[in-house]
Amino acid sequence: MLTEEDDVEIHALKARGWKVSQIARHTGRDRKTVAKYLKGEGAGQHRAPAPSCLEPFRGYIEARFVDDPHLDATVLHRELVDAGFERSYPTLVRELRRLELRPVCLVCEHQRGQAVTVEIDHPPGEEIQWDWLELHDTPWGQPVFLLLGALSHSGRFRGVLCEQMTFGHLAEAIHRVLVALGGTPRVWRTDRMATVVIPGTDRLTVDAAQAAKHYGVEVAVCPPRRGQRKGVVEAAVKYTTKSWWRSAPVATLAEAQASFDVWCVEVADRRARPGGTVGEIGSAESLRALPAAAYPAVIAVERKASRSALVAFEGNHYSVSPAQAGRTVTVHARVGEPALRILSTAGEVVAEHRRAVAGAGQTLRTPEHAAALKRAVLAAFTTDHACRRKPNRPPGKDALAELARLRGIDPEPAPVISLRRYAELAEAAEAAS
């Protein structure tokens, strides 16, 4: 293969009248190579491509791709063989790619993030984007969900770890994120999460609409299957996963939240951008002031009380009476209030506690519950062996009498005739005679 400079040189020598042999000796190249390049058939010399072996079948191939742009090439090869195609499957694939016969599916291109796009201008303080990051494998063995809120203009974001993705958890996490950012933009952008949008529609849920009115903001819902519309928070999710979560040295929910808060300030906010760091640009955004109190949503989760009459909630344990041990109860916590209530399945309040910091690992047991638990434990204390599982214990006298009563039978047993009694009566009669 000759370089472009060598190709120019042999053509210049040919123009001077040199023969092919002379040019070959002068340049140190093979005569066939020199002759090939002089004919315009060397590398870099484009000839008209040979007709493709698919030309006779081109109309059928184009029609099949109109029917199904994702038609598998193996199926197409089998159909073409039945129609008289004699080449191999690799040849078919190569020619399909060379001729670019397979059409581009714009829907799939959008889903893969490969379609053409345009940058969207985000004015400062205009929009914040929300999304959940689901973390199922945690060091403490329970799944956790991180709500991220990212300012669209600067990319500055904060997040709150939650046990679940209910609306109550969402409302509380949103308020905490906005407090950390210093205010709220005018528009909240979110995807079609079930706690915000009624499934199958474009309408907001009643709770989401009331929360938006509480903060005085608009809610913009992304079109279905258009995750790139909220690309700022999507990038924050990926960055958080790779830069913080994969190497975070945490063992509890509280440690994870504290570690994430520090990482946001010391790492995420220090990313360089034109005009300063992310933190500097985000701090300069003009955000609206927040209401005096958070939206009073209710967090309601079902839990099963343990044998020690404790109910787990947000990484802490709260006591109930011993009568509730092993039963299902419901924990009610209103956003912004310092207390929580525990309700029975009938809706009766069985306990009230001060709400501890999430993930603190505290155990809150009232003196009344402690005393009642102590009495219950002492009353159930015994040193007897456990009952055997295979003894013979037929129905007793009382059970048989009750069964006879149910059946309408006289429970009194029939008198038993004794032969010895007959013998005694016979002897007495003989002696008397």
Protein backbone atom coordinates (compact mmCIF):
# COMPACT_ATOMS: atom_id res chain seq x y z
CA MET A 1 0.00 0.00 0.00
CA LEU A 2 1.44 3.34 -1.06
CA THR A 3 1.13 6.59 0.80
CA GLU A 4 -0.48 9.61 -0.78
CA GLU A 5 3.00 11.10 -1.33
CA ASP A 6 4.24 7.95 -3.15
CA ASP A 7 1.10 7.92 -5.26
CA VAL A 8 1.70 11.54 -6.32
CA GLU A 9 5.35 10.77 -7.12
CA ILE A 10 4.69 7.80 -9.44
CA HIS A 11 2.08 9.80 -11.34
CA ALA A 12 4.55 12.68 -11.72
CA LEU A 13 7.22 10.31 -13.03
CA LYS A 14 4.72 8.75 -15.43
CA ALA A 15 3.88 12.23 -16.71
CA ARG A 16 7.57 12.74 -17.49
CA GLY A 17 7.53 9.67 -19.74
CA TRP A 18 9.06 7.13 -17.39
CA LYS A 19 8.18 3.49 -17.91
CA VAL A 20 6.64 1.33 -15.21
CA SER A 21 9.88 -0.64 -14.70
CA GLN A 22 11.88 2.55 -14.25
CA ILE A 23 9.40 3.93 -11.76
CA ALA A 24 9.42 0.65 -9.82
CA ARG A 25 13.21 0.59 -9.57
CA HIS A 26 13.32 4.27 -8.62
CA THR A 27 10.70 4.01 -5.85
CA GLY A 28 11.58 0.47 -4.69
CA ARG A 29 8.06 -0.78 -5.34
CA ASP A 30 6.77 -3.82 -7.17
CA ARG A 31 5.92 -3.32 -10.84
CA LYS A 32 2.39 -4.68 -10.34
CA THR A 33 1.76 -2.24 -7.50
CA VAL A 34 2.99 0.72 -9.58
CA ALA A 35 0.86 -0.35 -12.55
CA LYS A 36 -2.17 -0.80 -10.26
CA TYR A 37 -1.86 2.68 -8.83
CA LEU A 38 -1.30 4.23 -12.27
CA LYS A 39 -4.57 2.62 -13.38
CA GLY A 40 -6.35 4.16 -10.39
CA GLU A 41 -6.98 0.84 -8.67
CA GLY A 42 -4.79 1.26 -5.60
CA ALA A 43 -5.76 2.05 -2.00
CA GLY A 44 -7.41 5.42 -1.83
CA GLN A 45 -8.42 5.13 -5.47
CA HIS A 46 -12.21 4.67 -5.40
CA ARG A 47 -13.71 2.50 -8.03
CA ALA A 48 -17.35 2.03 -8.68
CA PRO A 49 -18.57 -0.62 -6.26
CA ALA A 50 -19.50 -3.96 -7.68
CA PRO A 51 -23.22 -4.69 -7.84
CA SER A 52 -24.51 -6.19 -4.61
CA CYS A 53 -25.79 -9.73 -4.52
CA LEU A 54 -28.92 -8.31 -2.86
CA GLU A 55 -29.94 -6.18 -5.83
CA PRO A 56 -32.39 -8.77 -7.26
CA PHE A 57 -34.02 -9.05 -3.84
CA ARG A 58 -33.85 -5.38 -2.85
CA GLY A 59 -37.55 -4.69 -3.37
CA TYR A 60 -38.58 -7.61 -1.16
CA ILE A 61 -36.09 -6.64 1.58
CA GLU A 62 -37.29 -3.03 1.65
CA ALA A 63 -40.92 -4.18 1.83
CA ARG A 64 -40.16 -6.56 4.72
CA PHE A 65 -38.40 -3.78 6.65
CA VAL A 66 -41.43 -1.56 6.15
CA ASP A 67 -43.51 -4.31 7.77
CA ASP A 68 -41.02 -4.83 10.61
CA PRO A 69 -37.93 -2.62 11.04
CA HIS A 70 -36.62 -5.07 13.68
CA LEU A 71 -36.95 -8.18 11.51
CA ASP A 72 -34.24 -10.63 12.54
CA ALA A 73 -31.64 -11.23 9.84
CA THR A 74 -31.84 -15.00 10.32
CA VAL A 75 -35.54 -14.91 9.45
CA LEU A 76 -34.86 -12.69 6.45
CA HIS A 77 -32.09 -15.04 5.25
CA ARG A 78 -34.42 -18.04 5.50
CA GLU A 79 -37.07 -16.23 3.46
CA LEU A 80 -34.55 -15.13 0.84
CA VAL A 81 -33.16 -18.66 0.49
CA ASP A 82 -36.68 -19.89 -0.25
CA ALA A 83 -36.84 -17.15 -2.92
CA GLY A 84 -33.58 -18.26 -4.60
CA PHE A 85 -30.85 -16.43 -2.63
CA GLU A 86 -27.70 -18.58 -2.69
CA ARG A 87 -25.29 -16.63 -0.49
CA SER A 88 -24.49 -17.17 3.19
CA TYR A 89 -25.95 -15.47 6.24
CA PRO A 90 -22.76 -13.44 6.97
CA THR A 91 -22.86 -12.13 3.39
CA LEU A 92 -26.45 -11.04 3.88
CA VAL A 93 -25.61 -9.19 7.12
CA ARG A 94 -22.58 -7.51 5.53
CA GLU A 95 -24.55 -6.32 2.52
CA LEU A 96 -27.44 -5.08 4.67
CA ARG A 97 -25.00 -2.93 6.62
CA ARG A 98 -23.08 -1.76 3.55
CA LEU A 99 -26.19 -0.73 1.67
CA GLU A 100 -27.89 0.56 4.86
CA LEU A 101 -31.13 -1.15 3.95
CA ARG A 102 -32.44 -1.52 7.51
CA PRO A 103 -34.36 1.66 8.48
CA VAL A 104 -33.69 3.51 11.73
CA CYS A 105 -36.40 3.15 14.40
CA LEU A 106 -36.70 6.62 15.91
CA VAL A 107 -38.60 5.34 18.95
CA CYS A 108 -35.80 2.96 19.90
CA GLU A 109 -33.19 5.61 19.17
CA HIS A 110 -34.88 7.91 21.67
CA GLN A 111 -35.06 5.17 24.28
CA ARG A 112 -31.36 4.39 23.91
CA GLY A 113 -30.46 8.08 24.03
CA GLN A 114 -28.94 7.99 20.53
CA ALA A 115 -31.43 10.18 18.68
CA VAL A 116 -30.67 13.77 17.78
CA THR A 117 -31.50 16.21 20.51
CA VAL A 118 -31.28 19.87 21.40
CA GLU A 119 -30.11 21.59 24.54
CA ILE A 120 -32.92 23.10 26.62
CA ASP A 121 -32.32 26.47 28.18
CA HIS A 122 -33.00 26.50 31.93
CA PRO A 123 -33.13 30.00 33.44
CA PRO A 124 -31.77 30.33 37.00
CA GLY A 125 -34.33 29.50 39.66
CA GLU A 126 -36.88 28.29 37.11
CA GLU A 127 -37.01 24.51 37.55
CA ILE A 128 -36.09 21.59 39.79
CA GLN A 129 -36.22 17.96 38.66
CA TRP A 130 -37.17 15.05 40.95
CA ASP A 131 -36.40 11.35 40.72
CA TRP A 132 -35.99 8.28 42.93
CA LEU A 133 -32.80 6.22 43.21
CA GLU A 134 -33.68 2.72 44.37
CA LEU A 135 -30.99 1.00 46.47
CA HIS A 136 -32.03 -2.59 47.18
CA ASP A 137 -28.70 -3.96 48.46
CA THR A 138 -27.74 -2.07 51.61
CA PRO A 139 -25.27 -2.92 54.42
CA TRP A 140 -28.14 -3.01 56.95
CA GLY A 141 -30.17 -5.49 54.89
CA GLN A 142 -33.22 -3.34 54.12
CA PRO A 143 -33.94 -1.58 50.80
CA VAL A 144 -33.82 2.21 50.80
CA PHE A 145 -34.95 4.88 48.35
CA LEU A 146 -33.09 8.15 47.75
CA LEU A 147 -35.16 11.09 46.50
CA LEU A 148 -32.97 13.47 44.51
CA GLY A 149 -33.89 17.05 43.65
CA ALA A 150 -31.61 18.74 41.09
CA LEU A 151 -31.75 22.39 40.01
CA SER A 152 -31.99 22.39 36.20
CA HIS A 153 -29.86 25.51 35.69
CA SER A 154 -26.83 24.74 37.88
CA GLY A 155 -27.13 20.98 38.40
CA ARG A 156 -26.83 21.43 42.18
CA PHE A 157 -28.74 18.68 43.98
CA ARG A 158 -29.63 17.30 47.40
CA GLY A 159 -31.32 14.07 48.49
CA VAL A 160 -33.11 12.31 51.34
CA LEU A 161 -33.12 8.58 52.09
CA CYS A 162 -36.54 7.02 52.72
CA GLU A 163 -37.79 3.58 53.71
CA GLN A 164 -40.57 3.59 51.10
CA MET A 165 -41.81 5.63 48.13
CA THR A 166 -45.27 6.49 49.49
CA PHE A 167 -46.62 10.01 49.09
CA GLY A 168 -45.98 10.73 52.75
CA HIS A 169 -42.30 9.85 52.38
CA LEU A 170 -42.17 11.85 49.13
CA ALA A 171 -43.70 14.98 50.69
CA GLU A 172 -41.35 14.91 53.67
CA ALA A 173 -38.28 14.29 51.51
CA ILE A 174 -39.22 17.12 49.12
CA HIS A 175 -39.44 19.62 51.99
CA ARG A 176 -36.08 18.53 53.40
CA VAL A 177 -34.43 18.81 49.97
CA LEU A 178 -35.85 22.29 49.42
CA VAL A 179 -34.66 23.39 52.85
CA ALA A 180 -31.16 22.14 52.00
CA LEU A 181 -31.21 24.04 48.68
CA GLY A 182 -32.50 27.23 50.31
CA GLY A 183 -35.88 27.54 48.59
CA THR A 184 -37.99 26.26 45.72
CA PRO A 185 -37.97 27.06 41.98
CA ARG A 186 -41.17 27.96 40.17
CA VAL A 187 -41.59 24.58 38.42
CA TRP A 188 -41.25 21.03 39.71
CA ARG A 189 -40.51 18.52 36.93
CA THR A 190 -41.13 14.84 37.57
CA ASP A 191 -41.77 11.61 35.73
CA ARG A 192 -45.02 9.67 35.95
CA MET A 193 -44.49 8.28 39.45
CA ALA A 194 -47.72 6.82 40.83
CA THR A 195 -47.74 9.07 43.89
CA VAL A 196 -47.83 12.20 41.68
CA VAL A 197 -49.69 11.21 38.49
CA ILE A 198 -52.80 9.07 38.28
CA PRO A 199 -51.71 5.91 36.39
CA GLY A 200 -52.80 5.89 32.77
CA THR A 201 -53.56 9.62 32.69
CA ASP A 202 -51.83 12.99 32.65
CA ARG A 203 -53.66 14.24 35.75
CA LEU A 204 -52.09 14.90 39.12
CA THR A 205 -53.25 13.03 42.19
CA VAL A 206 -55.21 14.99 44.78
CA ASP A 207 -52.33 14.87 47.27
CA ALA A 208 -49.78 16.04 44.69
CA ALA A 209 -52.00 18.92 43.60
CA GLN A 210 -52.56 20.04 47.20
CA ALA A 211 -48.82 19.89 47.91
CA ALA A 212 -48.06 21.98 44.80
CA LYS A 213 -50.58 24.62 45.92
CA HIS A 214 -49.05 24.59 49.40
CA TYR A 215 -45.65 25.55 47.94
CA GLY A 216 -47.09 27.76 45.17
CA VAL A 217 -45.38 25.92 42.30
CA GLU A 218 -46.30 24.33 38.99
CA VAL A 219 -45.82 20.62 38.35
CA ALA A 220 -44.53 19.65 34.89
CA VAL A 221 -44.91 15.95 34.05
CA CYS A 222 -42.51 14.44 31.51
CA PRO A 223 -44.02 12.72 28.46
CA PRO A 224 -44.10 8.93 28.71
CA ARG A 225 -40.84 7.15 27.87
CA ARG A 226 -38.91 10.42 27.62
CA GLY A 227 -36.45 10.20 30.47
CA GLN A 228 -34.09 12.64 28.72
CA ARG A 229 -36.55 15.45 29.38
CA LYS A 230 -35.33 15.40 32.98
CA GLY A 231 -31.73 14.69 32.07
CA VAL A 232 -30.29 16.86 34.86
CA VAL A 233 -31.60 14.67 37.65
CA GLU A 234 -30.91 11.50 35.62
CA ALA A 235 -27.26 12.57 35.44
CA ALA A 236 -27.34 13.23 39.19
CA VAL A 237 -28.66 9.70 39.80
CA LYS A 238 -25.82 8.15 37.77
CA TYR A 239 -23.20 10.38 39.38
CA THR A 240 -24.47 9.63 42.89
CA THR A 241 -24.47 5.89 42.27
CA LYS A 242 -20.92 5.77 40.91
CA SER A 243 -19.21 8.45 42.97
CA TRP A 244 -20.85 8.04 46.39
CA TRP A 245 -22.96 4.94 46.93
CA ARG A 246 -20.60 2.28 45.56
CA SER A 247 -17.82 3.24 47.99
CA ALA A 248 -19.74 4.85 50.88
CA PRO A 249 -18.50 3.41 54.25
CA VAL A 250 -21.90 3.27 55.95
CA ALA A 251 -23.60 0.69 58.17
CA THR A 252 -26.95 2.32 59.05
CA LEU A 253 -29.54 4.56 57.45
CA ALA A 254 -28.47 7.50 59.61
CA GLU A 255 -24.81 7.07 58.64
CA ALA A 256 -25.80 6.90 54.96
CA GLN A 257 -27.79 10.14 55.18
CA ALA A 258 -24.98 11.96 57.00
CA SER A 259 -22.40 10.65 54.52
CA PHE A 260 -24.50 11.73 51.54
CA ASP A 261 -25.02 15.23 52.95
CA VAL A 262 -21.27 15.68 53.41
CA TRP A 263 -20.50 14.27 49.96
CA CYS A 264 -22.95 16.69 48.30
CA VAL A 265 -21.15 19.69 49.81
CA GLU A 266 -17.54 18.53 49.61
CA VAL A 267 -17.61 16.64 46.30
CA ALA A 268 -20.71 17.25 44.16
CA ASP A 269 -20.83 21.02 44.74
CA ARG A 270 -17.15 21.43 43.83
CA ARG A 271 -17.53 20.24 40.25
CA ALA A 272 -16.18 22.85 37.86
CA ARG A 273 -18.52 24.56 35.41
CA PRO A 274 -18.16 27.63 33.17
CA GLY A 275 -18.61 30.54 35.52
CA GLY A 276 -17.64 28.74 38.72
CA THR A 277 -18.41 25.55 40.61
CA VAL A 278 -21.80 23.86 40.77
CA GLY A 279 -22.22 25.02 44.35
CA GLU A 280 -21.41 28.64 43.53
CA ILE A 281 -23.76 28.75 40.56
CA GLY A 282 -26.50 27.00 42.52
CA SER A 283 -26.18 29.36 45.48
CA ALA A 284 -26.62 32.32 43.13
CA GLU A 285 -29.95 31.03 41.81
CA SER A 286 -32.90 33.06 43.00
CA LEU A 287 -35.29 30.64 44.70
CA ARG A 288 -38.67 31.31 46.23
CA ALA A 289 -39.08 31.29 49.99
CA LEU A 290 -40.60 28.17 51.53
CA PRO A 291 -43.84 28.07 53.55
CA ALA A 292 -43.56 28.25 57.31
CA ALA A 293 -44.32 24.53 57.63
CA ALA A 294 -44.06 21.51 55.42
CA TYR A 295 -47.09 20.10 53.65
CA PRO A 296 -48.85 18.01 56.35
CA ALA A 297 -48.85 14.69 54.54
CA VAL A 298 -49.29 11.51 56.55
CA ILE A 299 -46.78 8.67 56.48
CA ALA A 300 -48.64 5.41 57.14
CA VAL A 301 -46.82 2.07 57.11
CA GLU A 302 -47.81 -1.35 58.37
CA ARG A 303 -45.48 -3.18 60.73
CA LYS A 304 -45.56 -6.37 62.79
CA ALA A 305 -44.79 -5.93 66.47
CA SER A 306 -41.93 -8.11 67.69
CA ARG A 307 -42.09 -10.61 70.58
CA SER A 308 -40.63 -7.92 72.80
CA ALA A 309 -43.53 -5.58 71.88
CA LEU A 310 -41.45 -3.26 69.69
CA VAL A 311 -42.37 -1.76 66.31
CA ALA A 312 -39.62 -0.85 63.81
CA PHE A 313 -39.91 2.46 61.95
CA GLU A 314 -37.23 4.53 60.17
CA GLY A 315 -34.37 2.66 61.80
CA ASN A 316 -35.77 3.07 65.34
CA HIS A 317 -37.99 0.92 67.59
CA TYR A 318 -41.14 2.06 69.43
CA SER A 319 -42.93 0.14 72.18
CA VAL A 320 -46.52 -1.10 72.32
CA SER A 321 -48.38 -3.05 74.98
CA PRO A 322 -47.53 -6.77 75.32
CA ALA A 323 -51.02 -7.58 74.02
CA GLN A 324 -49.93 -6.28 70.58
CA ALA A 325 -46.83 -8.51 70.36
CA GLY A 326 -46.88 -10.49 67.13
CA ARG A 327 -49.78 -8.49 65.71
CA THR A 328 -49.87 -6.15 62.71
CA VAL A 329 -50.11 -2.46 63.54
CA THR A 330 -49.97 0.77 61.52
CA VAL A 331 -47.52 3.59 62.23
CA HIS A 332 -48.85 7.09 61.52
CA ALA A 333 -46.44 10.03 61.33
CA ARG A 334 -47.50 13.43 60.04
CA VAL A 335 -44.83 15.45 58.23
CA GLY A 336 -43.59 18.28 60.40
CA GLU A 337 -44.99 16.93 63.67
CA PRO A 338 -42.60 15.69 66.40
CA ALA A 339 -44.77 12.75 67.47
CA LEU A 340 -46.11 9.58 65.90
CA ARG A 341 -48.98 7.24 66.69
CA ILE A 342 -49.32 3.47 66.44
CA LEU A 343 -52.75 2.12 65.57
CA SER A 344 -54.21 -1.36 65.83
CA THR A 345 -55.93 -3.10 62.92
CA ALA A 346 -59.24 -1.75 64.27
CA GLY A 347 -57.93 1.84 64.09
CA GLU A 348 -57.49 2.24 67.84
CA VAL A 349 -54.47 4.23 69.03
CA VAL A 350 -52.35 1.83 71.08
CA ALA A 351 -49.22 3.99 71.53
CA GLU A 352 -47.87 7.50 71.03
CA HIS A 353 -44.16 8.36 70.94
CA ARG A 354 -41.75 11.15 70.22
CA ARG A 355 -40.46 10.65 66.68
CA ALA A 356 -36.72 9.98 66.76
CA VAL A 357 -34.26 10.97 64.04
CA ALA A 358 -34.46 8.53 61.13
CA GLY A 359 -31.83 5.81 61.33
CA ALA A 360 -30.65 6.79 64.82
CA GLY A 361 -31.06 3.24 66.12
CA GLN A 362 -32.97 4.35 69.23
CA THR A 363 -35.44 2.25 71.25
CA LEU A 364 -38.27 4.28 72.79
CA ARG A 365 -40.26 2.35 75.42
CA THR A 366 -42.68 4.07 77.80
CA PRO A 367 -42.60 3.18 81.56
CA GLU A 368 -46.14 1.76 81.29
CA HIS A 369 -45.19 -0.53 78.43
CA ALA A 370 -42.02 -1.60 80.22
CA ALA A 371 -43.90 -2.49 83.39
CA ALA A 372 -46.63 -4.35 81.50
CA LEU A 373 -44.03 -6.29 79.51
CA LYS A 374 -42.24 -7.25 82.73
CA ARG A 375 -45.47 -8.55 84.26
CA ALA A 376 -46.32 -10.50 81.11
CA VAL A 377 -42.87 -12.08 80.97
CA LEU A 378 -42.98 -13.10 84.66
CA ALA A 379 -46.49 -14.51 84.31
CA ALA A 380 -45.41 -16.65 81.38
CA PHE A 381 -42.19 -17.80 83.09
CA THR A 382 -41.99 -21.55 83.80
CA THR A 383 -39.39 -24.27 84.23
CA ASP A 384 -41.64 -27.08 83.01
CA HIS A 385 -40.69 -29.13 79.99
CA ALA A 386 -42.45 -28.41 76.77
CA CYS A 387 -45.48 -30.62 76.07
CA ARG A 388 -44.78 -33.83 74.22
CA ARG A 389 -46.15 -33.97 70.73
CA LYS A 390 -47.09 -37.69 70.52
CA PRO A 391 -48.96 -38.75 73.72
CA ASN A 392 -52.20 -40.78 73.79
CA ARG A 393 -54.92 -38.62 75.26
CA PRO A 394 -58.44 -39.84 74.32
CA PRO A 395 -61.54 -37.79 75.21
CA GLY A 396 -62.14 -37.61 78.98
CA LYS A 397 -65.32 -38.08 81.01
CA ASP A 398 -66.37 -34.43 80.70
CA ALA A 399 -65.77 -34.36 76.98
CA LEU A 400 -67.73 -37.55 76.43
CA ALA A 401 -70.60 -36.20 78.54
CA GLU A 402 -70.67 -33.00 76.50
CA LEU A 403 -70.56 -34.99 73.25
CA ALA A 404 -73.51 -37.12 74.44
CA ARG A 405 -75.46 -33.98 75.28
CA LEU A 406 -74.84 -32.62 71.79
CA ARG A 407 -76.06 -35.87 70.26
CA GLY A 408 -79.20 -36.02 72.49
CA ILE A 409 -78.07 -39.13 74.35
CA ASP A 410 -78.54 -39.62 78.12
CA PRO A 411 -75.08 -39.01 79.54
CA GLU A 412 -75.80 -41.41 82.49
CA PRO A 413 -74.16 -44.76 81.75
CA ALA A 414 -76.31 -47.92 81.80
CA PRO A 415 -75.90 -50.05 84.96
CA VAL A 416 -73.42 -52.86 84.72
CA ILE A 417 -74.80 -56.34 85.59
CA SER A 418 -72.43 -58.24 87.91
CA LEU A 419 -72.53 -62.09 87.99
CA ARG A 420 -71.03 -62.00 91.44
CA ARG A 421 -74.06 -60.01 92.64
CA TYR A 422 -76.39 -62.63 91.15
CA ALA A 423 -74.45 -65.35 93.02
CA GLU A 424 -74.75 -63.49 96.32
CA LEU A 425 -78.52 -63.05 95.88
CA ALA A 426 -78.92 -66.76 95.06
CA GLU A 427 -77.01 -67.83 98.15
CA ALA A 428 -79.04 -65.47 100.34
CA ALA A 429 -82.30 -66.88 98.95
CA GLU A 430 -81.16 -70.46 99.52
CA ALA A 431 -80.14 -69.72 103.14
CA ALA A 432 -83.48 -68.08 103.80
CA SER A 433 -85.40 -71.12 102.55
